[in-house]
């Protein structure tokens, strides 16, 4: 498992912006684009780069606090 795998990532459509937005709130604010698959690929790349930068500079990785919903009531 890569260090970046501990962080929850997702892509969703934004009616307001009329684009897909990829999110990883524990690390970055977001990635956007017209193709949801490409947006997710870019999101994966950017989160990996952020994690690697933190590790390379000797900083601690933030605690992963965002979790997917486990139950729908």
N, C-alpha and C. Protein backbone atom coordinates (compact mmCIF):
# COMPACT_ATOMS: atom_id res chain seq x y z
N UNK A 1 0.85 -1.18 0.00
CA UNK A 1 0.00 0.00 0.00
C UNK A 1 0.90 1.24 0.00
N UNK A 2 0.55 2.18 -0.87
CA UNK A 2 1.26 3.46 -0.91
C UNK A 2 0.74 4.34 0.22
N UNK A 3 1.59 5.24 0.68
CA UNK A 3 1.19 6.16 1.75
C UNK A 3 -0.03 6.99 1.36
N UNK A 4 -0.14 7.33 0.08
CA UNK A 4 -1.27 8.16 -0.37
C UNK A 4 -2.59 7.38 -0.38
N UNK A 5 -2.53 6.04 -0.31
CA UNK A 5 -3.74 5.23 -0.32
C UNK A 5 -4.58 5.39 0.95
N UNK A 6 -4.00 5.92 2.02
CA UNK A 6 -4.76 6.07 3.25
C UNK A 6 -5.75 7.23 3.19
N UNK A 7 -5.62 8.07 2.16
CA UNK A 7 -6.47 9.26 2.04
C UNK A 7 -7.63 9.00 1.08
N UNK A 8 -8.83 9.37 1.51
CA UNK A 8 -10.03 9.17 0.70
C UNK A 8 -10.06 10.18 -0.45
N UNK A 9 -10.30 9.66 -1.65
CA UNK A 9 -10.36 10.49 -2.87
C UNK A 9 -11.64 10.14 -3.62
N UNK A 10 -12.25 11.15 -4.23
CA UNK A 10 -13.42 10.88 -5.05
C UNK A 10 -13.59 11.96 -6.10
N UNK A 11 -14.40 11.63 -7.11
CA UNK A 11 -14.72 12.56 -8.20
C UNK A 11 -16.24 12.70 -8.24
N UNK A 12 -16.70 13.94 -8.38
CA UNK A 12 -18.14 14.19 -8.48
C UNK A 12 -18.40 15.31 -9.47
N UNK A 13 -19.58 15.31 -10.03
CA UNK A 13 -20.00 16.35 -10.96
C UNK A 13 -20.42 17.59 -10.19
N UNK A 14 -20.02 18.76 -10.67
CA UNK A 14 -20.44 20.02 -10.07
C UNK A 14 -21.39 20.74 -11.03
N UNK A 15 -22.66 20.83 -10.65
CA UNK A 15 -23.62 21.57 -11.46
C UNK A 15 -23.24 23.05 -11.55
N UNK A 16 -22.73 23.57 -10.45
CA UNK A 16 -22.36 24.98 -10.41
C UNK A 16 -21.23 25.30 -11.39
N UNK A 17 -20.22 24.44 -11.43
CA UNK A 17 -19.05 24.69 -12.28
C UNK A 17 -19.12 24.00 -13.64
N UNK A 18 -20.04 23.04 -13.78
CA UNK A 18 -20.21 22.28 -15.02
C UNK A 18 -18.94 21.50 -15.40
N UNK A 19 -18.27 20.96 -14.40
CA UNK A 19 -17.09 20.11 -14.58
C UNK A 19 -17.10 19.04 -13.49
N UNK A 20 -16.26 18.02 -13.69
CA UNK A 20 -16.03 17.03 -12.64
C UNK A 20 -14.95 17.58 -11.70
N UNK A 21 -15.16 17.37 -10.42
CA UNK A 21 -14.19 17.83 -9.42
C UNK A 21 -13.70 16.62 -8.63
N UNK A 22 -12.38 16.47 -8.58
CA UNK A 22 -11.76 15.42 -7.78
C UNK A 22 -11.33 16.01 -6.45
N UNK A 23 -11.65 15.31 -5.38
CA UNK A 23 -11.36 15.85 -4.04
C UNK A 23 -10.55 14.86 -3.20
N UNK A 24 -9.68 15.42 -2.41
CA UNK A 24 -8.94 14.70 -1.37
C UNK A 24 -8.75 15.71 -0.24
N UNK A 25 -9.80 15.94 0.56
CA UNK A 25 -9.78 17.05 1.50
C UNK A 25 -8.70 16.99 2.58
N UNK A 26 -8.17 15.82 2.85
CA UNK A 26 -7.11 15.74 3.86
C UNK A 26 -5.77 16.25 3.34
N UNK A 27 -5.63 16.39 2.00
CA UNK A 27 -4.36 16.81 1.42
C UNK A 27 -4.44 18.01 0.49
N UNK A 28 -5.44 18.05 -0.39
CA UNK A 28 -5.53 19.12 -1.39
C UNK A 28 -6.96 19.58 -1.54
N UNK A 29 -7.15 20.73 -2.18
CA UNK A 29 -8.51 21.26 -2.34
C UNK A 29 -9.26 20.63 -3.50
N UNK A 30 -8.60 20.34 -4.62
CA UNK A 30 -9.32 19.69 -5.70
C UNK A 30 -8.67 19.83 -7.06
N UNK A 31 -9.11 18.95 -7.95
CA UNK A 31 -8.69 18.90 -9.35
C UNK A 31 -9.98 18.94 -10.16
N UNK A 32 -9.98 19.57 -11.31
CA UNK A 32 -11.21 19.61 -12.10
C UNK A 32 -10.94 19.34 -13.57
N UNK A 33 -12.00 18.91 -14.29
CA UNK A 33 -11.88 18.65 -15.71
C UNK A 33 -13.16 18.05 -16.28
N UNK A 34 -13.14 17.80 -17.58
CA UNK A 34 -14.33 17.30 -18.29
C UNK A 34 -14.46 15.78 -18.29
N UNK A 35 -13.38 15.05 -18.05
CA UNK A 35 -13.37 13.59 -18.11
C UNK A 35 -13.16 13.04 -16.70
N UNK A 36 -14.16 12.35 -16.12
CA UNK A 36 -14.04 11.89 -14.74
C UNK A 36 -12.88 10.90 -14.53
N UNK A 37 -12.59 10.09 -15.52
CA UNK A 37 -11.49 9.13 -15.39
C UNK A 37 -10.16 9.87 -15.33
N UNK A 38 -9.99 10.84 -16.22
CA UNK A 38 -8.75 11.62 -16.23
C UNK A 38 -8.61 12.45 -14.95
N UNK A 39 -9.72 13.00 -14.47
CA UNK A 39 -9.69 13.78 -13.23
C UNK A 39 -9.22 12.89 -12.08
N UNK A 40 -9.71 11.65 -12.02
CA UNK A 40 -9.28 10.76 -10.95
C UNK A 40 -7.80 10.40 -11.09
N UNK A 41 -7.36 10.17 -12.32
CA UNK A 41 -5.94 9.88 -12.54
C UNK A 41 -5.06 11.04 -12.08
N UNK A 42 -5.46 12.25 -12.42
CA UNK A 42 -4.70 13.43 -11.99
C UNK A 42 -4.75 13.59 -10.47
N UNK A 43 -5.89 13.30 -9.88
CA UNK A 43 -6.03 13.38 -8.43
C UNK A 43 -5.07 12.40 -7.75
N UNK A 44 -4.99 11.19 -8.28
CA UNK A 44 -4.04 10.19 -7.76
C UNK A 44 -2.60 10.70 -7.86
N UNK A 45 -2.26 11.24 -9.02
CA UNK A 45 -0.89 11.75 -9.24
C UNK A 45 -0.56 12.89 -8.28
N UNK A 46 -1.47 13.83 -8.13
CA UNK A 46 -1.21 14.98 -7.28
C UNK A 46 -1.12 14.57 -5.81
N UNK A 47 -2.02 13.70 -5.35
CA UNK A 47 -1.94 13.29 -3.96
C UNK A 47 -0.63 12.54 -3.69
N UNK A 48 -0.19 11.72 -4.63
CA UNK A 48 1.09 11.03 -4.46
C UNK A 48 2.24 12.03 -4.40
N UNK A 49 2.19 13.06 -5.23
CA UNK A 49 3.24 14.09 -5.22
C UNK A 49 3.25 14.86 -3.90
N UNK A 50 2.08 15.17 -3.38
CA UNK A 50 1.99 15.90 -2.11
C UNK A 50 2.57 15.04 -0.98
N UNK A 51 2.17 13.78 -0.94
CA UNK A 51 2.69 12.87 0.09
C UNK A 51 4.21 12.75 -0.03
N UNK A 52 4.70 12.57 -1.25
CA UNK A 52 6.15 12.42 -1.44
C UNK A 52 6.89 13.69 -1.03
N UNK A 53 6.33 14.84 -1.34
CA UNK A 53 6.96 16.11 -0.94
C UNK A 53 7.04 16.21 0.59
N UNK A 54 5.95 15.86 1.26
CA UNK A 54 5.96 15.91 2.73
C UNK A 54 7.01 14.97 3.30
N UNK A 55 7.09 13.76 2.76
CA UNK A 55 8.08 12.80 3.23
C UNK A 55 9.50 13.26 2.93
N UNK A 56 9.72 13.80 1.74
CA UNK A 56 11.05 14.27 1.34
C UNK A 56 11.55 15.42 2.20
N UNK A 57 10.62 16.24 2.69
CA UNK A 57 11.00 17.40 3.49
C UNK A 57 10.96 17.11 4.99
N UNK A 58 10.73 15.84 5.35
CA UNK A 58 10.76 15.44 6.74
C UNK A 58 9.54 15.84 7.56
N UNK A 59 8.47 16.19 6.87
CA UNK A 59 7.25 16.58 7.59
C UNK A 59 6.36 15.37 7.80
N UNK A 60 5.56 15.43 8.85
CA UNK A 60 4.63 14.34 9.13
C UNK A 60 3.44 14.42 8.18
N UNK A 61 2.94 13.27 7.82
CA UNK A 61 1.74 13.23 6.99
C UNK A 61 0.54 13.59 7.85
N UNK A 62 -0.40 14.36 7.30
CA UNK A 62 -1.60 14.69 8.08
C UNK A 62 -2.41 13.42 8.37
N UNK A 63 -3.11 13.45 9.46
CA UNK A 63 -3.99 12.33 9.80
C UNK A 63 -5.13 12.27 8.79
N UNK A 64 -5.39 11.08 8.32
CA UNK A 64 -6.51 10.89 7.38
C UNK A 64 -7.80 10.84 8.19
N UNK A 65 -8.61 11.87 8.08
CA UNK A 65 -9.84 11.93 8.87
C UNK A 65 -11.10 11.77 8.02
N UNK A 66 -11.01 12.04 6.72
CA UNK A 66 -12.17 11.91 5.85
C UNK A 66 -12.37 10.45 5.51
N UNK A 67 -13.56 9.93 5.75
CA UNK A 67 -13.88 8.55 5.50
C UNK A 67 -15.15 8.47 4.66
N UNK A 68 -15.23 7.46 3.79
CA UNK A 68 -16.48 7.29 3.05
C UNK A 68 -17.62 6.91 4.00
N UNK A 69 -18.83 7.21 3.59
CA UNK A 69 -19.98 6.86 4.38
C UNK A 69 -20.10 5.34 4.46
N UNK A 70 -20.29 4.81 5.63
CA UNK A 70 -20.36 3.37 5.81
C UNK A 70 -21.80 2.86 5.77
N UNK A 71 -22.76 3.67 6.18
CA UNK A 71 -24.14 3.25 6.19
C UNK A 71 -25.02 4.38 5.70
N UNK A 72 -26.08 4.02 5.03
CA UNK A 72 -27.08 5.01 4.63
C UNK A 72 -28.32 4.74 5.46
N UNK A 73 -28.76 5.77 6.15
CA UNK A 73 -29.92 5.60 7.05
C UNK A 73 -31.18 5.94 6.31
